C-alpha atoms as a PDB file:
ATOM      1  CA  MET A   1     -20.246  -4.727  21.494  1.00  0.00           C
ATOM      2  CA  HIS A   2     -18.711  -8.326  21.242  1.00  0.00           C
ATOM      3  CA  ALA A   3     -17.414  -9.421  18.008  1.00  0.00           C
ATOM      4  CA  HIS A   4     -18.328 -12.708  16.383  1.00  0.00           C
ATOM      5  CA  PRO A   5     -15.361 -15.000  15.899  1.00  0.00           C
ATOM      6  CA  ARG A   6     -16.009 -14.660  12.121  1.00  0.00           C
ATOM      7  CA  GLY A   7     -16.086 -10.750  12.402  1.00  0.00           C
ATOM      8  CA  THR A   8     -19.622 -10.511  12.341  1.00  0.00           C
ATOM      9  CA  PRO A   9     -21.280  -8.455  14.984  1.00  0.00           C
ATOM     10  CA  ASP A  10     -23.037 -10.909  17.006  1.00  0.00           C
ATOM     11  CA  ILE A  11     -26.393  -9.094  17.255  1.00  0.00           C
ATOM     12  CA  PRO A  12     -29.691 -10.083  15.789  1.00  0.00           C
ATOM     13  CA  ALA A  13     -30.369  -9.716  12.237  1.00  0.00           C
ATOM     14  CA  ALA A  14     -33.143  -7.101  12.837  1.00  0.00           C
ATOM     15  CA  GLN A  15     -30.719  -4.724  14.611  1.00  0.00           C
ATOM     16  CA  ARG A  16     -27.991  -5.221  12.051  1.00  0.00           C
ATOM     17  CA  ALA A  17     -30.337  -3.905   9.487  1.00  0.00           C
ATOM     18  CA  ILE A  18     -31.265  -0.747  11.709  1.00  0.00           C
ATOM     19  CA  ARG A  19     -27.585  -0.320  12.187  1.00  0.00           C
ATOM     20  CA  ALA A  20     -26.663  -0.413   8.579  1.00  0.00           C
ATOM     21  CA  ARG A  21     -29.302   2.180   7.716  1.00  0.00           C
ATOM     22  CA  CYS A  22     -28.184   4.409  10.404  1.00  0.00           C
ATOM     23  CA  LEU A  23     -24.676   4.233   9.238  1.00  0.00           C
ATOM     24  CA  HIS A  24     -25.386   4.783   5.695  1.00  0.00           C
ATOM     25  CA  PRO A  25     -28.952   6.036   4.960  1.00  0.00           C
ATOM     26  CA  THR A  26     -28.214   5.980   1.062  1.00  0.00           C
ATOM     27  CA  GLY A  27     -27.635   2.023   1.304  1.00  0.00           C
ATOM     28  CA  THR A  28     -24.489   2.286  -0.974  1.00  0.00           C
ATOM     29  CA  PHE A  29     -22.327  -0.090   1.321  1.00  0.00           C
ATOM     30  CA  VAL A  30     -21.078  -3.057  -0.713  1.00  0.00           C
ATOM     31  CA  GLU A  31     -20.009  -6.034   1.116  1.00  0.00           C
ATOM     32  CA  PHE A  32     -16.276  -7.448   0.772  1.00  0.00           C
ATOM     33  CA  THR A  33     -16.773 -11.035   0.345  1.00  0.00           C
ATOM     34  CA  ARG A  34     -14.529 -13.775   1.086  1.00  0.00           C
ATOM     35  CA  ALA A  35     -14.277 -14.793  -2.383  1.00  0.00           C
ATOM     36  CA  GLU A  36     -12.428 -11.484  -2.976  1.00  0.00           C
ATOM     37  CA  LEU A  37      -9.447 -12.429  -0.919  1.00  0.00           C
ATOM     38  CA  GLU A  38      -8.099 -14.775  -3.362  1.00  0.00           C
ATOM     39  CA  GLN A  39      -6.172 -12.141  -5.562  1.00  0.00           C
ATOM     40  CA  SER A  40      -3.405  -9.625  -5.208  1.00  0.00           C
ATOM     41  CA  LEU A  41      -3.599  -6.274  -3.499  1.00  0.00           C
ATOM     42  CA  ALA A  42      -2.959  -4.655  -7.212  1.00  0.00           C
ATOM     43  CA  SER A  43      -5.770  -6.692  -8.566  1.00  0.00           C
ATOM     44  CA  ARG A  44      -8.209  -5.454  -5.984  1.00  0.00           C
ATOM     45  CA  PHE A  45      -6.997  -1.720  -6.425  1.00  0.00           C
ATOM     46  CA  GLU A  46      -7.508  -2.170 -10.101  1.00  0.00           C
ATOM     47  CA  GLN A  47     -11.086  -3.236  -9.580  1.00  0.00           C
ATOM     48  CA  GLN A  48     -11.795  -0.125  -7.643  1.00  0.00           C
ATOM     49  CA  VAL A  49     -10.099   1.986 -10.255  1.00  0.00           C
ATOM     50  CA  ALA A  50     -12.401   0.493 -12.871  1.00  0.00           C
ATOM     51  CA  ARG A  51     -15.375   1.088 -10.827  1.00  0.00           C
ATOM     52  CA  TYR A  52     -14.665   4.738  -9.681  1.00  0.00           C
ATOM     53  CA  PRO A  53     -11.978   6.194 -12.185  1.00  0.00           C
ATOM     54  CA  GLN A  54     -12.805   9.823 -11.483  1.00  0.00           C
ATOM     55  CA  ARG A  55     -13.563   9.454  -7.788  1.00  0.00           C
ATOM     56  CA  LEU A  56     -10.767  11.221  -5.492  1.00  0.00           C
ATOM     57  CA  ALA A  57      -8.398   8.708  -4.128  1.00  0.00           C
ATOM     58  CA  ILE A  58      -5.709  10.589  -2.412  1.00  0.00           C
ATOM     59  CA  LYS A  59      -5.904  14.345  -1.273  1.00  0.00           C
ATOM     60  CA  SER A  60      -3.122  15.934   0.739  1.00  0.00           C
ATOM     61  CA  ARG A  61      -1.965  19.690   1.144  1.00  0.00           C
ATOM     62  CA  HIS A  62       0.260  19.251  -2.076  1.00  0.00           C
ATOM     63  CA  HIS A  63      -1.578  16.516  -4.054  1.00  0.00           C
ATOM     64  CA  ALA A  64      -5.072  15.403  -5.338  1.00  0.00           C
ATOM     65  CA  LEU A  65      -5.193  12.320  -7.337  1.00  0.00           C
ATOM     66  CA  THR A  66      -8.376  10.257  -8.832  1.00  0.00           C
ATOM     67  CA  TYR A  67      -8.181   6.586  -8.847  1.00  0.00           C
ATOM     68  CA  ALA A  68      -7.404   6.843 -12.607  1.00  0.00           C
ATOM     69  CA  GLU A  69      -4.374   9.229 -11.846  1.00  0.00           C
ATOM     70  CA  LEU A  70      -3.238   7.305  -9.073  1.00  0.00           C
ATOM     71  CA  ASN A  71      -3.168   4.105 -10.911  1.00  0.00           C
ATOM     72  CA  GLN A  72      -1.515   5.419 -13.982  1.00  0.00           C
ATOM     73  CA  ALA A  73       1.324   7.038 -11.785  1.00  0.00           C
ATOM     74  CA  ALA A  74       1.679   3.466 -10.081  1.00  0.00           C
ATOM     75  CA  ASN A  75       1.735   1.735 -13.464  1.00  0.00           C
ATOM     76  CA  ARG A  76       4.560   3.903 -14.956  1.00  0.00           C
ATOM     77  CA  LEU A  77       6.544   3.013 -11.693  1.00  0.00           C
ATOM     78  CA  ALA A  78       5.977  -0.552 -11.978  1.00  0.00           C
ATOM     79  CA  HIS A  79       7.052  -0.603 -15.526  1.00  0.00           C
ATOM     80  CA  ALA A  80      10.328   1.304 -14.773  1.00  0.00           C
ATOM     81  CA  ILE A  81      10.851  -1.312 -11.815  1.00  0.00           C
ATOM     82  CA  LEU A  82      10.504  -4.160 -14.331  1.00  0.00           C
ATOM     83  CA  VAL A  83      12.813  -2.560 -16.700  1.00  0.00           C
ATOM     84  CA  ALA A  84      15.509  -2.047 -13.883  1.00  0.00           C
ATOM     85  CA  ARG A  85      14.863  -5.570 -12.190  1.00  0.00           C
ATOM     86  CA  GLY A  86      12.677  -7.706 -14.455  1.00  0.00           C
ATOM     87  CA  PRO A  87       9.903 -10.032 -13.164  1.00  0.00           C
ATOM     88  CA  GLY A  88      10.282 -12.058  -9.994  1.00  0.00           C
ATOM     89  CA  ALA A  89       9.642 -11.319  -6.129  1.00  0.00           C
ATOM     90  CA  GLU A  90      12.263  -9.456  -4.340  1.00  0.00           C
ATOM     91  CA  PRO A  91      12.498  -6.573  -1.658  1.00  0.00           C
ATOM     92  CA  VAL A  92      12.294  -3.214  -2.817  1.00  0.00           C
ATOM     93  CA  ALA A  93      12.939  -0.214  -0.460  1.00  0.00           C
ATOM     94  CA  LEU A  94      11.056   3.059  -0.304  1.00  0.00           C
ATOM     95  CA  LEU A  95      12.366   6.141   1.061  1.00  0.00           C
ATOM     96  CA  PHE A  96       9.623   9.006   1.180  1.00  0.00           C
ATOM     97  CA  ALA A  97       8.166  11.477   3.506  1.00  0.00           C
ATOM     98  CA  PRO A  98       4.553  11.000   4.116  1.00  0.00           C
ATOM     99  CA  GLY A  99       2.260  11.663   1.394  1.00  0.00           C
ATOM    100  CA  ALA A 100       0.766  10.742  -2.142  1.00  0.00           C
ATOM    101  CA  PRO A 101       4.057   9.983  -3.444  1.00  0.00           C
ATOM    102  CA  ALA A 102       4.885   7.192  -0.692  1.00  0.00           C
ATOM    103  CA  ILE A 103       1.236   5.540  -1.386  1.00  0.00           C
ATOM    104  CA  THR A 104       1.981   5.668  -5.329  1.00  0.00           C
ATOM    105  CA  ALA A 105       5.113   3.964  -4.631  1.00  0.00           C
ATOM    106  CA  MET A 106       3.734   1.302  -2.593  1.00  0.00           C
ATOM    107  CA  LEU A 107       1.463   0.304  -5.278  1.00  0.00           C
ATOM    108  CA  GLY A 108       3.941   0.691  -8.023  1.00  0.00           C
ATOM    109  CA  VAL A 109       6.039  -1.958  -6.199  1.00  0.00           C
ATOM    110  CA  LEU A 110       3.130  -4.345  -5.625  1.00  0.00           C
ATOM    111  CA  LYS A 111       1.921  -3.933  -9.245  1.00  0.00           C
ATOM    112  CA  ALA A 112       5.557  -4.960 -10.402  1.00  0.00           C
ATOM    113  CA  GLY A 113       5.304  -8.144  -8.249  1.00  0.00           C
ATOM    114  CA  LYS A 114       7.847  -7.148  -5.748  1.00  0.00           C
ATOM    115  CA  ILE A 115       7.987  -6.571  -1.861  1.00  0.00           C
ATOM    116  CA  TYR A 116       7.934  -3.083  -0.537  1.00  0.00           C
ATOM    117  CA  VAL A 117      10.193  -2.119   2.441  1.00  0.00           C
ATOM    118  CA  PRO A 118       8.862   1.566   3.673  1.00  0.00           C
ATOM    119  CA  MET A 119      11.476   3.855   5.269  1.00  0.00           C
ATOM    120  CA  THR A 120      11.392   7.413   5.860  1.00  0.00           C
ATOM    121  CA  PRO A 121      13.897  10.206   5.601  1.00  0.00           C
ATOM    122  CA  SER A 122      13.705  11.121   9.406  1.00  0.00           C
ATOM    123  CA  ASP A 123      15.083   7.726   9.956  1.00  0.00           C
ATOM    124  CA  PRO A 124      18.697   7.856  11.288  1.00  0.00           C
ATOM    125  CA  PRO A 125      21.188   6.882   8.569  1.00  0.00           C
ATOM    126  CA  ALA A 126      22.324   3.923  10.732  1.00  0.00           C
ATOM    127  CA  ARG A 127      18.740   2.577  10.762  1.00  0.00           C
ATOM    128  CA  LEU A 128      18.361   3.199   7.030  1.00  0.00           C
ATOM    129  CA  ALA A 129      21.655   1.199   6.195  1.00  0.00           C
ATOM    130  CA  TYR A 130      20.436  -1.679   8.659  1.00  0.00           C
ATOM    131  CA  LEU A 131      17.182  -1.921   6.990  1.00  0.00           C
ATOM    132  CA  LEU A 132      18.723  -1.949   3.352  1.00  0.00           C
ATOM    133  CA  GLU A 133      21.132  -4.470   4.544  1.00  0.00           C
ATOM    134  CA  ASP A 134      18.745  -6.819   6.458  1.00  0.00           C
ATOM    135  CA  SER A 135      15.831  -6.713   4.014  1.00  0.00           C
ATOM    136  CA  GLN A 136      18.335  -7.584   0.853  1.00  0.00           C
ATOM    137  CA  ALA A 137      16.575  -4.897  -0.847  1.00  0.00           C
ATOM    138  CA  ALA A 138      17.575  -5.326  -4.709  1.00  0.00           C
ATOM    139  CA  LEU A 139      16.223  -1.432  -5.671  1.00  0.00           C
ATOM    140  CA  LEU A 140      15.793   1.810  -3.684  1.00  0.00           C
ATOM    141  CA  VAL A 141      12.915   3.840  -5.062  1.00  0.00           C
ATOM    142  CA  THR A 142      13.042   7.496  -3.895  1.00  0.00           C
ATOM    143  CA  ASN A 143      12.815  11.162  -5.310  1.00  0.00           C
ATOM    144  CA  CYS A 144      15.239  13.602  -6.020  1.00  0.00           C
ATOM    145  CA  GLN A 145      14.531  15.459  -2.678  1.00  0.00           C
ATOM    146  CA  HIS A 146      15.603  12.380  -0.532  1.00  0.00           C
ATOM    147  CA  ALA A 147      18.037  10.744  -2.984  1.00  0.00           C
ATOM    148  CA  ALA A 148      21.185  12.582  -1.390  1.00  0.00           C
ATOM    149  CA  SER A 149      20.173  11.390   2.115  1.00  0.00           C
ATOM    150  CA  ALA A 150      19.673   7.970   0.932  1.00  0.00           C
ATOM    151  CA  ARG A 151      23.398   7.692  -0.714  1.00  0.00           C
ATOM    152  CA  PRO A 152      25.371   7.271   2.385  1.00  0.00           C
ATOM    153  CA  SER A 153      23.319   4.299   3.325  1.00  0.00           C
ATOM    154  CA  THR A 154      23.402   2.524  -0.072  1.00  0.00           C
ATOM    155  CA  ARG A 155      27.237   2.742   0.025  1.00  0.00           C
ATOM    156  CA  GLU A 156      27.000   3.261  -3.714  1.00  0.00           C
ATOM    157  CA  ARG A 157      26.248  -0.431  -4.294  1.00  0.00           C
ATOM    158  CA  LEU A 158      22.346  -0.254  -4.464  1.00  0.00           C
ATOM    159  CA  PRO A 159      20.776   1.050  -7.688  1.00  0.00           C
ATOM    160  CA  VAL A 160      18.258   3.879  -7.117  1.00  0.00           C
ATOM    161  CA  LEU A 161      15.002   4.750  -9.169  1.00  0.00           C
ATOM    162  CA  LYS A 162      13.782   8.395  -8.827  1.00  0.00           C
ATOM    163  CA  THR A 163      10.149   8.771  -9.237  1.00  0.00           C
ATOM    164  CA  ASP A 164      10.404  12.318 -10.344  1.00  0.00           C
ATOM    165  CA  GLU A 165      12.900  11.212 -13.264  1.00  0.00           C
ATOM    166  CA  LEU A 166      10.808   8.402 -14.653  1.00  0.00           C
ATOM    167  CA  ASP A 167      10.903   8.194 -18.547  1.00  0.00           C
ATOM    168  CA  LEU A 168       7.847  10.005 -19.770  1.00  0.00           C
ATOM    169  CA  GLY A 169       7.373   7.181 -22.418  1.00  0.00           C
ATOM    170  CA  LEU A 170       6.770   4.546 -19.896  1.00  0.00           C
ATOM    171  CA  SER A 171       3.386   2.584 -20.082  1.00  0.00           C
ATOM    172  CA  ALA A 172       0.559   3.756 -18.010  1.00  0.00           C
ATOM    173  CA  GLU A 173      -1.191   0.430 -18.613  1.00  0.00           C
ATOM    174  CA  ASN A 174      -1.658  -1.928 -15.971  1.00  0.00           C
ATOM    175  CA  PRO A 175       1.380  -4.559 -16.027  1.00  0.00           C
ATOM    176  CA  ASP A 176      -1.230  -7.491 -15.302  1.00  0.00           C
ATOM    177  CA  LEU A 177       1.238  -9.588 -13.572  1.00  0.00           C
ATOM    178  CA  ALA A 178      -0.155 -12.914 -12.013  1.00  0.00           C
ATOM    179  CA  MET A 179       0.206 -12.688  -8.190  1.00  0.00           C
ATOM    180  CA  PRO A 180      -0.515 -15.488  -5.857  1.00  0.00           C
ATOM    181  CA  PRO A 181      -2.508 -14.089  -2.901  1.00  0.00           C
ATOM    182  CA  ASP A 182      -0.034 -15.678  -0.532  1.00  0.00           C
ATOM    183  CA  ALA A 183       2.804 -13.617  -2.081  1.00  0.00           C
ATOM    184  CA  LEU A 184       4.587 -11.375   0.185  1.00  0.00           C
ATOM    185  CA  ALA A 185       3.386  -7.886  -0.025  1.00  0.00           C
ATOM    186  CA  TYR A 186       5.532  -6.039   2.458  1.00  0.00           C
ATOM    187  CA  ILE A 187       8.492  -6.036   5.051  1.00  0.00           C
ATOM    188  CA  MET A 188       7.906  -3.469   7.761  1.00  0.00           C
ATOM    189  CA  TYR A 189      10.388  -3.079  10.466  1.00  0.00           C
ATOM    190  CA  THR A 190       9.698  -2.422  14.056  1.00  0.00           C
ATOM    191  CA  SER A 191      11.229   0.459  16.192  1.00  0.00           C
ATOM    192  CA  GLY A 192      14.206  -1.577  17.384  1.00  0.00           C
ATOM    193  CA  SER A 193      13.802   0.203  20.867  1.00  0.00           C
ATOM    194  CA  THR A 194      14.672  -3.313  22.522  1.00  0.00           C
ATOM    195  CA  GLY A 195      17.256  -4.142  20.061  1.00  0.00           C
ATOM    196  CA  GLN A 196      17.899  -4.250  16.471  1.00  0.00           C
ATOM    197  CA  PRO A 197      14.655  -3.598  14.287  1.00  0.00           C
ATOM    198  CA  LYS A 198      12.956  -6.789  13.400  1.00  0.00           C
ATOM    199  CA  GLY A 199      11.307  -7.288   9.824  1.00  0.00           C
ATOM    200  CA  VAL A 200       7.529  -8.192   9.889  1.00  0.00           C
ATOM    201  CA  VAL A 201       6.255  -9.774   6.612  1.00  0.00           C
ATOM    202  CA  ASP A 202       2.593 -10.181   5.518  1.00  0.00           C
ATOM    203  CA  ASN A 203       1.209 -11.434   2.202  1.00  0.00           C
ATOM    204  CA  HIS A 204      -1.613 -10.047   0.082  1.00  0.00           C
ATOM    205  CA  ARG A 205      -4.481 -12.541   1.182  1.00  0.00           C
ATOM    206  CA  ASN A 206      -3.698 -11.391   4.945  1.00  0.00           C
ATOM    207  CA  VAL A 207      -3.903  -7.707   4.124  1.00  0.00           C
ATOM    208  CA  LEU A 208      -7.057  -8.112   2.039  1.00  0.00           C
ATOM    209  CA  HIS A 209      -8.546 -10.423   5.036  1.00  0.00           C
ATOM    210  CA  HIS A 210      -8.050  -7.214   7.552  1.00  0.00           C
ATOM    211  CA  MET A 211      -9.559  -4.812   4.967  1.00  0.00           C
ATOM    212  CA  MET A 212     -12.507  -7.282   4.565  1.00  0.00           C
ATOM    213  CA  ARG A 213     -13.077  -7.066   8.216  1.00  0.00           C
ATOM    214  CA  VAL A 214     -12.643  -3.351   8.524  1.00  0.00           C
ATOM    215  CA  THR A 215     -14.892  -2.649   5.655  1.00  0.00           C
ATOM    216  CA  ASN A 216     -17.668  -4.919   6.549  1.00  0.00           C
ATOM    217  CA  GLU A 217     -17.398  -3.943  10.314  1.00  0.00           C
ATOM    218  CA  PHE A 218     -17.600  -0.365   9.623  1.00  0.00           C
ATOM    219  CA  ARG A 219     -19.411  -0.548   6.397  1.00  0.00           C
ATOM    220  CA  VAL A 220     -17.085   1.487   4.630  1.00  0.00           C
ATOM    221  CA  CYS A 221     -18.633   3.041   1.557  1.00  0.00           C
ATOM    222  CA  ALA A 222     -17.356   4.707  -1.674  1.00  0.00           C
ATOM    223  CA  GLU A 223     -18.453   8.112  -0.407  1.00  0.00           C
ATOM    224  CA  ASP A 224     -16.502   7.648   3.064  1.00  0.00           C
ATOM    225  CA  ARG A 225     -13.239   9.368   3.603  1.00  0.00           C
ATOM    226  CA  GLN A 226     -10.483   8.235   5.882  1.00  0.00           C
ATOM    227  CA  THR A 227      -7.684  10.224   7.384  1.00  0.00           C
ATOM    228  CA  LEU A 228      -4.060   8.943   7.319  1.00  0.00           C
ATOM    229  CA  LEU A 229      -2.145  10.361  10.327  1.00  0.00           C
ATOM    230  CA  ARG A 230       0.516   7.409  10.815  1.00  0.00           C
ATOM    231  CA  SER A 231       3.738   7.211   8.761  1.00  0.00           C
ATOM    232  CA  TYR A 232       3.471   4.572   5.928  1.00  0.00           C
ATOM    233  CA  SER A 233       6.381   2.958   7.658  1.00  0.00           C
ATOM    234  CA  PHE A 234       4.138   1.746  10.520  1.00  0.00           C
ATOM    235  CA  ASN A 235       1.794  -1.101  10.574  1.00  0.00           C
ATOM    236  CA  GLY A 236      -1.046   0.809  11.682  1.00  0.00           C
ATOM    237  CA  ALA A 237      -1.047   2.615   8.457  1.00  0.00           C
ATOM    238  CA  ILE A 238      -2.038  -0.572   6.401  1.00  0.00           C
ATOM    239  CA  ARG A 239      -5.407  -0.297   7.473  1.00  0.00           C
ATOM    240  CA  ASP A 240      -5.841   3.454   6.663  1.00  0.00           C
ATOM    241  CA  ILE A 241      -4.068   3.175   3.437  1.00  0.00           C
ATOM    242  CA  PHE A 242      -5.453   0.037   1.882  1.00  0.00           C
ATOM    243  CA  GLY A 243      -8.780   0.330   3.734  1.00  0.00           C
ATOM    244  CA  ALA A 244      -9.565   3.622   2.025  1.00  0.00           C
ATOM    245  CA  LEU A 245      -8.256   2.584  -1.456  1.00  0.00           C
END
């Protein structure tokens, strides 16, 4: 099937209607409109939380979080980041193994108005050190399990925030920071197989535009489930994570 330049399948309206019923007989599909691109990823996510607070957001071998629980955990981290660094856009490095804590940290950084830089504990120390230096990360967010492996890369100069040691008194309310849709959302690094890793940046609007195309093309509904097989430090995971949430 060929795609229309605007992302709509180039097929007759009657056939599109049949296709929609076949994919989702319950008719619960809600179109992702272009007007919804003019916001931040945090704002879009919080709208979904308001609609489906008790619906399962993430399920893994070790975690099962509803939208409300995921939002509250991300909010506490966002407030901790704001206490540590104050407001303002700046890179914040993340060091997590695949799983719910990594996704919670991504949302927490975005809610704090920062730019997340994903890293994985399986990365060689030299790569971790290079990513921290090249991104000019102002803070490293990790957990107790991986903090020790991160320490040689930080050379004791970079403040470290451990998500499993956050102050229990931190607010779980949305920070409600105003973020323009053209603000940077992340810096993701290439493998570096042909030289030094290169940082690739993207903003909130572009990520939402990609999610709009995925949602509308595949008619993703609230009842659907998506798998996450890629590491959160690979670009392909953006579609799987934000496309589902």
